[in-house]
Amino acid sequence: MIYKVLYQSDKVRDPRRETTETLYIEAASAVDARAKVEANTPYNIELVQELSGNFLDYEKQEPTFKLTEFPAK
């Protein structure tokens, strides 16, 4: 499955909607996606959302759509 992860790039500052960023990741579940991001980044994760069907097709049309890959551990 592909997941959309909304995050803040810094855990120290208070989250603000204006600074929310997005990455896309392939994982077995939402829990797995969150674990991968937490293990490989200093990000403050706000939301992990599964994308499928029309939602995935819509996101793929965005110019910023790119799957993030982390090194295998």
PDB file of N, CA and C in Angstrom:
ATOM      1  N   MET A   1       0.832  -1.181   0.000  1.00  0.00           N
ATOM      2  CA  MET A   1       0.000   0.000   0.000  1.00  0.00           C
ATOM      3  C   MET A   1       0.877   1.245   0.000  1.00  0.00           C
ATOM      4  N   ILE A   2       0.302   2.308  -0.473  1.00  0.00           N
ATOM      5  CA  ILE A   2       1.001   3.590  -0.452  1.00  0.00           C
ATOM      6  C   ILE A   2       0.323   4.474   0.583  1.00  0.00           C
ATOM      7  N   TYR A   3       1.151   5.154   1.373  1.00  0.00           N
ATOM      8  CA  TYR A   3       0.655   6.013   2.441  1.00  0.00           C
ATOM      9  C   TYR A   3       1.164   7.427   2.265  1.00  0.00           C
ATOM     10  N   LYS A   4       0.306   8.373   2.593  1.00  0.00           N
ATOM     11  CA  LYS A   4       0.656   9.787   2.604  1.00  0.00           C
ATOM     12  C   LYS A   4       0.928  10.148   4.061  1.00  0.00           C
ATOM     13  N   VAL A   5       2.114  10.689   4.321  1.00  0.00           N
ATOM     14  CA  VAL A   5       2.509  11.037   5.687  1.00  0.00           C
ATOM     15  C   VAL A   5       2.619  12.554   5.782  1.00  0.00           C
ATOM     16  N   LEU A   6       1.821  13.148   6.651  1.00  0.00           N
ATOM     17  CA  LEU A   6       1.887  14.581   6.911  1.00  0.00           C
ATOM     18  C   LEU A   6       2.746  14.781   8.145  1.00  0.00           C
ATOM     19  N   TYR A   7       3.704  15.696   8.065  1.00  0.00           N
ATOM     20  CA  TYR A   7       4.645  15.845   9.168  1.00  0.00           C
ATOM     21  C   TYR A   7       5.151  17.274   9.300  1.00  0.00           C
ATOM     22  N   GLN A   8       5.729  17.543  10.459  1.00  0.00           N
ATOM     23  CA  GLN A   8       6.476  18.769  10.719  1.00  0.00           C
ATOM     24  C   GLN A   8       7.946  18.362  10.709  1.00  0.00           C
ATOM     25  N   SER A   9       8.805  19.182  10.147  1.00  0.00           N
ATOM     26  CA  SER A   9      10.212  18.793  10.032  1.00  0.00           C
ATOM     27  C   SER A   9      10.982  18.922  11.340  1.00  0.00           C
ATOM     28  N   ASP A  10      10.340  19.469  12.374  1.00  0.00           N
ATOM     29  CA  ASP A  10      11.030  19.694  13.639  1.00  0.00           C
ATOM     30  C   ASP A  10      10.128  19.288  14.798  1.00  0.00           C
ATOM     31  N   LYS A  11      10.629  18.465  15.706  1.00  0.00           N
ATOM     32  CA  LYS A  11       9.836  18.043  16.869  1.00  0.00           C
ATOM     33  C   LYS A  11       9.839  19.076  17.985  1.00  0.00           C
ATOM     34  N   VAL A  12      10.739  20.050  17.925  1.00  0.00           N
ATOM     35  CA  VAL A  12      10.876  21.021  19.005  1.00  0.00           C
ATOM     36  C   VAL A  12       9.826  22.126  18.915  1.00  0.00           C
ATOM     37  N   ARG A  13       9.559  22.605  17.717  1.00  0.00           N
ATOM     38  CA  ARG A  13       8.596  23.695  17.528  1.00  0.00           C
ATOM     39  C   ARG A  13       7.165  23.172  17.570  1.00  0.00           C
ATOM     40  N   ASP A  14       6.252  24.051  17.949  1.00  0.00           N
ATOM     41  CA  ASP A  14       4.836  23.707  17.932  1.00  0.00           C
ATOM     42  C   ASP A  14       4.370  23.516  16.490  1.00  0.00           C
ATOM     43  N   PRO A  15       3.558  22.501  16.236  1.00  0.00           N
ATOM     44  CA  PRO A  15       3.061  22.272  14.880  1.00  0.00           C
ATOM     45  C   PRO A  15       2.198  23.439  14.400  1.00  0.00           C
ATOM     46  N   ARG A  16       2.386  23.809  13.127  1.00  0.00           N
ATOM     47  CA  ARG A  16       1.578  24.829  12.488  1.00  0.00           C
ATOM     48  C   ARG A  16       1.155  24.312  11.125  1.00  0.00           C
ATOM     49  N   ARG A  17      -0.085  24.536  10.793  1.00  0.00           N
ATOM     50  CA  ARG A  17      -0.611  24.050   9.522  1.00  0.00           C
ATOM     51  C   ARG A  17       0.220  24.548   8.340  1.00  0.00           C
ATOM     52  N   GLU A  18       0.692  25.778   8.436  1.00  0.00           N
ATOM     53  CA  GLU A  18       1.442  26.382   7.334  1.00  0.00           C
ATOM     54  C   GLU A  18       2.777  25.695   7.075  1.00  0.00           C
ATOM     55  N   THR A  19       3.298  24.985   8.050  1.00  0.00           N
ATOM     56  CA  THR A  19       4.603  24.340   7.877  1.00  0.00           C
ATOM     57  C   THR A  19       4.495  22.827   7.721  1.00  0.00           C
ATOM     58  N   THR A  20       3.285  22.313   7.572  1.00  0.00           N
ATOM     59  CA  THR A  20       3.097  20.876   7.375  1.00  0.00           C
ATOM     60  C   THR A  20       3.628  20.472   6.004  1.00  0.00           C
ATOM     61  N   GLU A  21       4.388  19.392   5.980  1.00  0.00           N
ATOM     62  CA  GLU A  21       4.945  18.871   4.736  1.00  0.00           C
ATOM     63  C   GLU A  21       4.413  17.462   4.509  1.00  0.00           C
ATOM     64  N   THR A  22       4.633  16.946   3.299  1.00  0.00           N
ATOM     65  CA  THR A  22       4.085  15.646   2.915  1.00  0.00           C
ATOM     66  C   THR A  22       5.156  14.768   2.294  1.00  0.00           C
ATOM     67  N   LEU A  23       5.096  13.481   2.620  1.00  0.00           N
ATOM     68  CA  LEU A  23       5.891  12.506   1.889  1.00  0.00           C
ATOM     69  C   LEU A  23       5.017  11.287   1.642  1.00  0.00           C
ATOM     70  N   TYR A  24       5.398  10.513   0.650  1.00  0.00           N
ATOM     71  CA  TYR A  24       4.656   9.311   0.275  1.00  0.00           C
ATOM     72  C   TYR A  24       5.583   8.124   0.463  1.00  0.00           C
ATOM     73  N   ILE A  25       5.031   7.046   1.026  1.00  0.00           N
ATOM     74  CA  ILE A  25       5.854   5.880   1.328  1.00  0.00           C
ATOM     75  C   ILE A  25       5.053   4.605   1.070  1.00  0.00           C
ATOM     76  N   GLU A  26       5.752   3.581   0.615  1.00  0.00           N
ATOM     77  CA  GLU A  26       5.119   2.279   0.431  1.00  0.00           C
ATOM     78  C   GLU A  26       5.431   1.441   1.659  1.00  0.00           C
ATOM     79  N   ALA A  27       4.392   0.847   2.250  1.00  0.00           N
ATOM     80  CA  ALA A  27       4.553   0.044   3.458  1.00  0.00           C
ATOM     81  C   ALA A  27       3.424  -0.968   3.547  1.00  0.00           C
ATOM     82  N   ALA A  28       3.602  -1.947   4.426  1.00  0.00           N
ATOM     83  CA  ALA A  28       2.610  -3.006   4.600  1.00  0.00           C
ATOM     84  C   ALA A  28       1.371  -2.520   5.342  1.00  0.00           C
ATOM     85  N   SER A  29       1.545  -1.535   6.236  1.00  0.00           N
ATOM     86  CA  SER A  29       0.420  -1.010   7.012  1.00  0.00           C
ATOM     87  C   SER A  29       0.750   0.411   7.448  1.00  0.00           C
ATOM     88  N   ALA A  30      -0.243   1.102   8.007  1.00  0.00           N
ATOM     89  CA  ALA A  30      -0.022   2.459   8.511  1.00  0.00           C
ATOM     90  C   ALA A  30       0.974   2.445   9.661  1.00  0.00           C
ATOM     91  N   VAL A  31       0.916   1.417  10.482  1.00  0.00           N
ATOM     92  CA  VAL A  31       1.849   1.290  11.604  1.00  0.00           C
ATOM     93  C   VAL A  31       3.271   1.110  11.079  1.00  0.00           C
ATOM     94  N   ASP A  32       3.429   0.300  10.055  1.00  0.00           N
ATOM     95  CA  ASP A  32       4.739   0.089   9.445  1.00  0.00           C
ATOM     96  C   ASP A  32       5.258   1.378   8.807  1.00  0.00           C
ATOM     97  N   ALA A  33       4.386   2.118   8.140  1.00  0.00           N
ATOM     98  CA  ALA A  33       4.779   3.390   7.519  1.00  0.00           C
ATOM     99  C   ALA A  33       5.266   4.370   8.579  1.00  0.00           C
ATOM    100  N   ARG A  34       4.523   4.480   9.670  1.00  0.00           N
ATOM    101  CA  ARG A  34       4.923   5.386  10.762  1.00  0.00           C
ATOM    102  C   ARG A  34       6.269   4.958  11.344  1.00  0.00           C
ATOM    103  N   ALA A  35       6.449   3.661  11.543  1.00  0.00           N
ATOM    104  CA  ALA A  35       7.700   3.151  12.117  1.00  0.00           C
ATOM    105  C   ALA A  35       8.890   3.449  11.206  1.00  0.00           C
ATOM    106  N   LYS A  36       8.712   3.291   9.894  1.00  0.00           N
ATOM    107  CA  LYS A  36       9.792   3.570   8.949  1.00  0.00           C
ATOM    108  C   LYS A  36      10.195   5.040   8.989  1.00  0.00           C
ATOM    109  N   VAL A  37       9.208   5.926   9.008  1.00  0.00           N
ATOM    110  CA  VAL A  37       9.499   7.356   9.023  1.00  0.00           C
ATOM    111  C   VAL A  37      10.157   7.739  10.346  1.00  0.00           C
ATOM    112  N   GLU A  38       9.636   7.242  11.455  1.00  0.00           N
ATOM    113  CA  GLU A  38      10.209   7.573  12.765  1.00  0.00           C
ATOM    114  C   GLU A  38      11.641   7.055  12.903  1.00  0.00           C
ATOM    115  N   ALA A  39      11.938   5.899  12.325  1.00  0.00           N
ATOM    116  CA  ALA A  39      13.275   5.310  12.443  1.00  0.00           C
ATOM    117  C   ALA A  39      14.315   6.019  11.575  1.00  0.00           C
ATOM    118  N   ASN A  40      13.857   6.693  10.526  1.00  0.00           N
ATOM    119  CA  ASN A  40      14.794   7.263   9.562  1.00  0.00           C
ATOM    120  C   ASN A  40      14.805   8.786   9.480  1.00  0.00           C
ATOM    121  N   THR A  41      13.948   9.454  10.245  1.00  0.00           N
ATOM    122  CA  THR A  41      13.880  10.914  10.173  1.00  0.00           C
ATOM    123  C   THR A  41      13.669  11.506  11.563  1.00  0.00           C
ATOM    124  N   PRO A  42      13.917  12.805  11.712  1.00  0.00           N
ATOM    125  CA  PRO A  42      13.614  13.485  12.974  1.00  0.00           C
ATOM    126  C   PRO A  42      12.226  14.140  12.940  1.00  0.00           C
ATOM    127  N   TYR A  43      11.362  13.738  12.029  1.00  0.00           N
ATOM    128  CA  TYR A  43      10.075  14.397  11.808  1.00  0.00           C
ATOM    129  C   TYR A  43       9.070  14.141  12.924  1.00  0.00           C
ATOM    130  N   ASN A  44       8.191  15.121  13.098  1.00  0.00           N
ATOM    131  CA  ASN A  44       7.049  15.013  13.996  1.00  0.00           C
ATOM    132  C   ASN A  44       5.850  14.639  13.116  1.00  0.00           C
ATOM    133  N   ILE A  45       5.433  13.390  13.166  1.00  0.00           N
ATOM    134  CA  ILE A  45       4.372  12.895  12.283  1.00  0.00           C
ATOM    135  C   ILE A  45       3.014  13.327  12.807  1.00  0.00           C
ATOM    136  N   GLU A  46       2.229  13.918  11.923  1.00  0.00           N
ATOM    137  CA  GLU A  46       0.879  14.357  12.274  1.00  0.00           C
ATOM    138  C   GLU A  46      -0.175  13.333  11.877  1.00  0.00           C
ATOM    139  N   LEU A  47      -0.034  12.778  10.665  1.00  0.00           N
ATOM    140  CA  LEU A  47      -1.068  11.886  10.142  1.00  0.00           C
ATOM    141  C   LEU A  47      -0.464  10.925   9.136  1.00  0.00           C
ATOM    142  N   VAL A  48      -0.909   9.681   9.172  1.00  0.00           N
ATOM    143  CA  VAL A  48      -0.549   8.678   8.165  1.00  0.00           C
ATOM    144  C   VAL A  48      -1.859   8.238   7.529  1.00  0.00           C
ATOM    145  N   GLN A  49      -1.978   8.460   6.220  1.00  0.00           N
ATOM    146  CA  GLN A  49      -3.228   8.197   5.514  1.00  0.00           C
ATOM    147  C   GLN A  49      -2.992   7.231   4.363  1.00  0.00           C
ATOM    148  N   GLU A  50      -3.760   6.153   4.332  1.00  0.00           N
ATOM    149  CA  GLU A  50      -3.664   5.183   3.234  1.00  0.00           C
ATOM    150  C   GLU A  50      -4.260   5.789   1.968  1.00  0.00           C
ATOM    151  N   LEU A  51      -3.567   5.586   0.857  1.00  0.00           N
ATOM    152  CA  LEU A  51      -4.061   6.062  -0.428  1.00  0.00           C
ATOM    153  C   LEU A  51      -4.356   4.876  -1.324  1.00  0.00           C
ATOM    154  N   SER A  52      -5.535   4.860  -1.917  1.00  0.00           N
ATOM    155  CA  SER A  52      -5.893   3.817  -2.870  1.00  0.00           C
ATOM    156  C   SER A  52      -6.971   4.349  -3.801  1.00  0.00           C
ATOM    157  N   GLY A  53      -7.165   3.665  -4.890  1.00  0.00           N
ATOM    158  CA  GLY A  53      -8.218   4.026  -5.836  1.00  0.00           C
ATOM    159  C   GLY A  53      -8.084   5.448  -6.362  1.00  0.00           C
ATOM    160  N   ASN A  54      -9.213   6.172  -6.371  1.00  0.00           N
ATOM    161  CA  ASN A  54      -9.237   7.535  -6.890  1.00  0.00           C
ATOM    162  C   ASN A  54      -8.359   8.486  -6.090  1.00  0.00           C
ATOM    163  N   PHE A  55      -8.228   8.241  -4.781  1.00  0.00           N
ATOM    164  CA  PHE A  55      -7.392   9.101  -3.944  1.00  0.00           C
ATOM    165  C   PHE A  55      -5.927   9.003  -4.387  1.00  0.00           C
ATOM    166  N   LEU A  56      -5.470   7.782  -4.663  1.00  0.00           N
ATOM    167  CA  LEU A  56      -4.096   7.580  -5.119  1.00  0.00           C
ATOM    168  C   LEU A  56      -3.904   8.190  -6.504  1.00  0.00           C
ATOM    169  N   ASP A  57      -4.872   7.986  -7.391  1.00  0.00           N
ATOM    170  CA  ASP A  57      -4.786   8.559  -8.734  1.00  0.00           C
ATOM    171  C   ASP A  57      -4.685  10.081  -8.680  1.00  0.00           C
ATOM    172  N   TYR A  58      -5.449  10.693  -7.794  1.00  0.00           N
ATOM    173  CA  TYR A  58      -5.423  12.149  -7.638  1.00  0.00           C
ATOM    174  C   TYR A  58      -4.047  12.608  -7.149  1.00  0.00           C
ATOM    175  N   GLU A  59      -3.515  11.951  -6.144  1.00  0.00           N
ATOM    176  CA  GLU A  59      -2.210  12.335  -5.586  1.00  0.00           C
ATOM    177  C   GLU A  59      -1.097  12.153  -6.616  1.00  0.00           C
ATOM    178  N   LYS A  60      -1.196  11.148  -7.450  1.00  0.00           N
ATOM    179  CA  LYS A  60      -0.167  10.909  -8.470  1.00  0.00           C
ATOM    180  C   LYS A  60      -0.107  12.039  -9.493  1.00  0.00           C
ATOM    181  N   GLN A  61      -1.170  12.811  -9.625  1.00  0.00           N
ATOM    182  CA  GLN A  61      -1.187  13.935 -10.556  1.00  0.00           C
ATOM    183  C   GLN A  61      -0.420  15.141 -10.022  1.00  0.00           C
ATOM    184  N   GLU A  62      -0.152  15.172  -8.722  1.00  0.00           N
ATOM    185  CA  GLU A  62       0.583  16.278  -8.118  1.00  0.00           C
ATOM    186  C   GLU A  62       2.033  16.244  -8.595  1.00  0.00           C
ATOM    187  N   PRO A  63       2.613  17.389  -8.915  1.00  0.00           N
ATOM    188  CA  PRO A  63       4.016  17.407  -9.353  1.00  0.00           C
ATOM    189  C   PRO A  63       4.992  16.989  -8.250  1.00  0.00           C
ATOM    190  N   THR A  64       4.568  17.075  -6.999  1.00  0.00           N
ATOM    191  CA  THR A  64       5.449  16.712  -5.882  1.00  0.00           C
ATOM    192  C   THR A  64       5.346  15.239  -5.495  1.00  0.00           C
ATOM    193  N   PHE A  65       4.516  14.472  -6.193  1.00  0.00           N
ATOM    194  CA  PHE A  65       4.347  13.058  -5.846  1.00  0.00           C
ATOM    195  C   PHE A  65       5.606  12.282  -6.195  1.00  0.00           C
ATOM    196  N   LYS A  66       6.225  11.702  -5.179  1.00  0.00           N
ATOM    197  CA  LYS A  66       7.410  10.860  -5.348  1.00  0.00           C
ATOM    198  C   LYS A  66       7.485   9.952  -4.136  1.00  0.00           C
ATOM    199  N   LEU A  67       7.639   8.653  -4.367  1.00  0.00           N
ATOM    200  CA  LEU A  67       7.744   7.718  -3.256  1.00  0.00           C
ATOM    201  C   LEU A  67       9.095   7.889  -2.568  1.00  0.00           C
ATOM    202  N   THR A  68       9.060   8.020  -1.258  1.00  0.00           N
ATOM    203  CA  THR A  68      10.274   8.120  -0.457  1.00  0.00           C
ATOM    204  C   THR A  68      10.718   6.715  -0.095  1.00  0.00           C
ATOM    205  N   GLU A  69      11.992   6.430  -0.298  1.00  0.00           N
ATOM    206  CA  GLU A  69      12.530   5.124   0.040  1.00  0.00           C
ATOM    207  C   GLU A  69      13.607   5.307   1.105  1.00  0.00           C
ATOM    208  N   PHE A  70      13.555   4.468   2.103  1.00  0.00           N
ATOM    209  CA  PHE A  70      14.556   4.483   3.174  1.00  0.00           C
ATOM    210  C   PHE A  70      15.438   3.265   3.020  1.00  0.00           C
ATOM    211  N   PRO A  71      16.698   3.357   3.428  1.00  0.00           N
ATOM    212  CA  PRO A  71      17.591   2.192   3.324  1.00  0.00           C
ATOM    213  C   PRO A  71      17.094   1.032   4.177  1.00  0.00           C
ATOM    214  N   ALA A  72      17.259  -0.162   3.684  1.00  0.00           N
ATOM    215  CA  ALA A  72      16.860  -1.364   4.436  1.00  0.00           C
ATOM    216  C   ALA A  72      17.787  -1.530   5.633  1.00  0.00           C
ATOM    217  N   LYS A  73      17.199  -1.994   6.726  1.00  0.00           N
ATOM    218  CA  LYS A  73      18.003  -2.182   7.941  1.00  0.00           C
ATOM    219  C   LYS A  73      18.136  -3.635   8.264  1.00  0.00           C
TER     220      LYS A  73
END
